[in-house]
Amino acid sequence: MENTKLLFLLRKLSPQDKKSLGQYLRIPSFNKNQEIVALYEQLEPFAPGYIAKKIDEKEIFKVICPKRTFDKKRFNHYCSLLIIATQHFLASVELKDQEYMKER
């Protein structure tokens, strides 16, 4: 797996944020796409460095889509969806922090 925007973004998350992101992705009202949950779960063991050379896209794809042959375009689409979901998660964390600061 190349050094992608997704890996860059995941490297920047704190351990607590990674845990919270995993929980966020599993909430049906925020995410209805189980493939990105599976993608995130497959990437978790590579934390915190997410070394691209060690991450095998084809192996991850087999877990995410066991009945399909590897499709780079589809894999990249799932990565893009995970990036968007992560950005939404970070925005919600930021908003919550701002609301907390206003209350003080």
C-alpha atoms as a PDB file:
ATOM      1  CA  MET A   1       0.000   0.000   0.000  1.00  0.00           C
ATOM      2  CA  GLU A   2       1.362   3.376  -0.934  1.00  0.00           C
ATOM      3  CA  ASN A   3       1.802   6.234   1.499  1.00  0.00           C
ATOM      4  CA  THR A   4      -1.705   7.519   1.017  1.00  0.00           C
ATOM      5  CA  LYS A   5      -3.728  10.336   2.493  1.00  0.00           C
ATOM      6  CA  LEU A   6      -5.552   7.698   4.545  1.00  0.00           C
ATOM      7  CA  LEU A   7      -2.365   6.405   6.158  1.00  0.00           C
ATOM      8  CA  PHE A   8      -1.142   9.958   6.763  1.00  0.00           C
ATOM      9  CA  LEU A   9      -4.432  10.806   8.464  1.00  0.00           C
ATOM     10  CA  LEU A  10      -4.459   7.659  10.622  1.00  0.00           C
ATOM     11  CA  ARG A  11      -0.868   8.294  11.742  1.00  0.00           C
ATOM     12  CA  LYS A  12      -1.920  11.687  13.105  1.00  0.00           C
ATOM     13  CA  LEU A  13      -4.635  10.288  15.379  1.00  0.00           C
ATOM     14  CA  SER A  14      -3.950   9.783  19.063  1.00  0.00           C
ATOM     15  CA  PRO A  15      -4.518   6.286  20.481  1.00  0.00           C
ATOM     16  CA  GLN A  16      -7.731   7.537  22.124  1.00  0.00           C
ATOM     17  CA  ASP A  17      -8.932   9.070  18.856  1.00  0.00           C
ATOM     18  CA  LYS A  18      -8.246   5.786  17.027  1.00  0.00           C
ATOM     19  CA  LYS A  19     -10.328   3.917  19.567  1.00  0.00           C
ATOM     20  CA  SER A  20     -13.112   6.497  19.353  1.00  0.00           C
ATOM     21  CA  LEU A  21     -12.992   6.453  15.548  1.00  0.00           C
ATOM     22  CA  GLY A  22     -13.508   2.687  15.591  1.00  0.00           C
ATOM     23  CA  GLN A  23     -16.546   3.151  17.823  1.00  0.00           C
ATOM     24  CA  TYR A  24     -17.841   6.001  15.640  1.00  0.00           C
ATOM     25  CA  LEU A  25     -17.573   3.890  12.479  1.00  0.00           C
ATOM     26  CA  ARG A  26     -19.678   1.162  14.067  1.00  0.00           C
ATOM     27  CA  ILE A  27     -22.625   3.505  14.807  1.00  0.00           C
ATOM     28  CA  PRO A  28     -25.229   2.828  12.082  1.00  0.00           C
ATOM     29  CA  SER A  29     -26.562   6.393  12.082  1.00  0.00           C
ATOM     30  CA  PHE A  30     -23.085   7.720  11.174  1.00  0.00           C
ATOM     31  CA  ASN A  31     -21.931   4.930   8.878  1.00  0.00           C
ATOM     32  CA  LYS A  32     -23.912   2.380   6.927  1.00  0.00           C
ATOM     33  CA  ASN A  33     -20.938   0.969   5.007  1.00  0.00           C
ATOM     34  CA  GLN A  34     -19.567  -2.134   6.711  1.00  0.00           C
ATOM     35  CA  GLU A  35     -16.693  -2.360   4.232  1.00  0.00           C
ATOM     36  CA  ILE A  36     -15.057   0.733   5.685  1.00  0.00           C
ATOM     37  CA  VAL A  37     -15.464  -0.668   9.185  1.00  0.00           C
ATOM     38  CA  ALA A  38     -13.717  -3.821   7.982  1.00  0.00           C
ATOM     39  CA  LEU A  39     -11.025  -1.728   6.273  1.00  0.00           C
ATOM     40  CA  TYR A  40     -10.387   0.210   9.469  1.00  0.00           C
ATOM     41  CA  GLU A  41     -10.238  -3.015  11.484  1.00  0.00           C
ATOM     42  CA  GLN A  42      -7.716  -4.480   9.035  1.00  0.00           C
ATOM     43  CA  LEU A  43      -5.527  -1.369   9.287  1.00  0.00           C
ATOM     44  CA  GLU A  44      -5.640  -1.176  13.112  1.00  0.00           C
ATOM     45  CA  PRO A  45      -2.880  -3.767  13.679  1.00  0.00           C
ATOM     46  CA  PHE A  46      -0.468  -1.588  11.686  1.00  0.00           C
ATOM     47  CA  ALA A  47      -0.836   1.343  14.113  1.00  0.00           C
ATOM     48  CA  PRO A  48       0.798   3.609  15.069  1.00  0.00           C
ATOM     49  CA  GLY A  49       3.238   3.762  12.135  1.00  0.00           C
ATOM     50  CA  TYR A  50       1.053   2.310   9.385  1.00  0.00           C
ATOM     51  CA  ILE A  51       4.142   1.334   7.386  1.00  0.00           C
ATOM     52  CA  ALA A  52       2.899   1.187   3.815  1.00  0.00           C
ATOM     53  CA  LYS A  53       5.272  -1.589   2.722  1.00  0.00           C
ATOM     54  CA  LYS A  54       3.801  -3.966   5.299  1.00  0.00           C
ATOM     55  CA  ILE A  55       0.173  -3.365   4.327  1.00  0.00           C
ATOM     56  CA  ASP A  56      -1.042  -5.700   1.582  1.00  0.00           C
ATOM     57  CA  GLU A  57      -4.030  -4.192  -0.223  1.00  0.00           C
ATOM     58  CA  LYS A  58      -4.987  -7.498  -1.811  1.00  0.00           C
ATOM     59  CA  GLU A  59      -5.077  -9.318   1.523  1.00  0.00           C
ATOM     60  CA  ILE A  60      -7.156  -6.561   3.096  1.00  0.00           C
ATOM     61  CA  PHE A  61      -9.512  -6.579   0.111  1.00  0.00           C
ATOM     62  CA  LYS A  62     -10.042 -10.350   0.545  1.00  0.00           C
ATOM     63  CA  VAL A  63     -11.318  -9.702   4.059  1.00  0.00           C
ATOM     64  CA  ILE A  64     -13.423  -6.697   3.091  1.00  0.00           C
ATOM     65  CA  CYS A  65     -14.946  -8.307  -0.016  1.00  0.00           C
ATOM     66  CA  PRO A  66     -14.409 -12.071   0.269  1.00  0.00           C
ATOM     67  CA  LYS A  67     -16.547 -12.899  -2.777  1.00  0.00           C
ATOM     68  CA  ARG A  68     -14.809 -10.472  -5.145  1.00  0.00           C
ATOM     69  CA  THR A  69     -11.480 -10.515  -6.905  1.00  0.00           C
ATOM     70  CA  PHE A  70      -9.137  -7.657  -6.110  1.00  0.00           C
ATOM     71  CA  ASP A  71     -10.273  -4.408  -7.667  1.00  0.00           C
ATOM     72  CA  LYS A  72      -7.877  -1.507  -7.105  1.00  0.00           C
ATOM     73  CA  LYS A  73     -10.500   1.080  -8.022  1.00  0.00           C
ATOM     74  CA  ARG A  74     -13.008  -0.357  -5.517  1.00  0.00           C
ATOM     75  CA  PHE A  75     -10.303  -0.612  -2.842  1.00  0.00           C
ATOM     76  CA  ASN A  76      -9.387   3.045  -3.379  1.00  0.00           C
ATOM     77  CA  HIS A  77     -13.075   3.948  -3.161  1.00  0.00           C
ATOM     78  CA  TYR A  78     -13.306   2.297   0.268  1.00  0.00           C
ATOM     79  CA  CYS A  79     -10.164   4.164   1.329  1.00  0.00           C
ATOM     80  CA  SER A  80     -11.764   7.432   0.202  1.00  0.00           C
ATOM     81  CA  LEU A  81     -14.922   6.644   2.155  1.00  0.00           C
ATOM     82  CA  LEU A  82     -12.832   5.932   5.249  1.00  0.00           C
ATOM     83  CA  ILE A  83     -11.014   9.255   4.805  1.00  0.00           C
ATOM     84  CA  ILE A  84     -14.348  11.082   4.619  1.00  0.00           C
ATOM     85  CA  ALA A  85     -15.702   9.251   7.667  1.00  0.00           C
ATOM     86  CA  THR A  86     -12.504  10.043   9.588  1.00  0.00           C
ATOM     87  CA  GLN A  87     -12.767  13.705   8.650  1.00  0.00           C
ATOM     88  CA  HIS A  88     -16.395  13.766   9.833  1.00  0.00           C
ATOM     89  CA  PHE A  89     -15.323  12.121  13.081  1.00  0.00           C
ATOM     90  CA  LEU A  90     -12.577  14.708  13.621  1.00  0.00           C
ATOM     91  CA  ALA A  91     -14.993  17.536  12.866  1.00  0.00           C
ATOM     92  CA  SER A  92     -17.435  16.187  15.453  1.00  0.00           C
ATOM     93  CA  VAL A  93     -14.641  15.946  18.026  1.00  0.00           C
ATOM     94  CA  GLU A  94     -13.596  19.527  17.287  1.00  0.00           C
ATOM     95  CA  LEU A  95     -17.181  20.746  17.560  1.00  0.00           C
ATOM     96  CA  LYS A  96     -17.627  18.953  20.870  1.00  0.00           C
ATOM     97  CA  ASP A  97     -14.398  20.524  22.170  1.00  0.00           C
ATOM     98  CA  GLN A  98     -15.548  23.995  21.130  1.00  0.00           C
ATOM     99  CA  GLU A  99     -18.902  23.519  22.867  1.00  0.00           C
ATOM    100  CA  TYR A 100     -17.119  22.362  25.997  1.00  0.00           C
ATOM    101  CA  MET A 101     -14.904  25.455  25.996  1.00  0.00           C
ATOM    102  CA  LYS A 102     -17.946  27.752  25.594  1.00  0.00           C
ATOM    103  CA  GLU A 103     -19.527  26.237  28.693  1.00  0.00           C
ATOM    104  CA  ARG A 104     -16.519  27.138  30.840  1.00  0.00           C
END
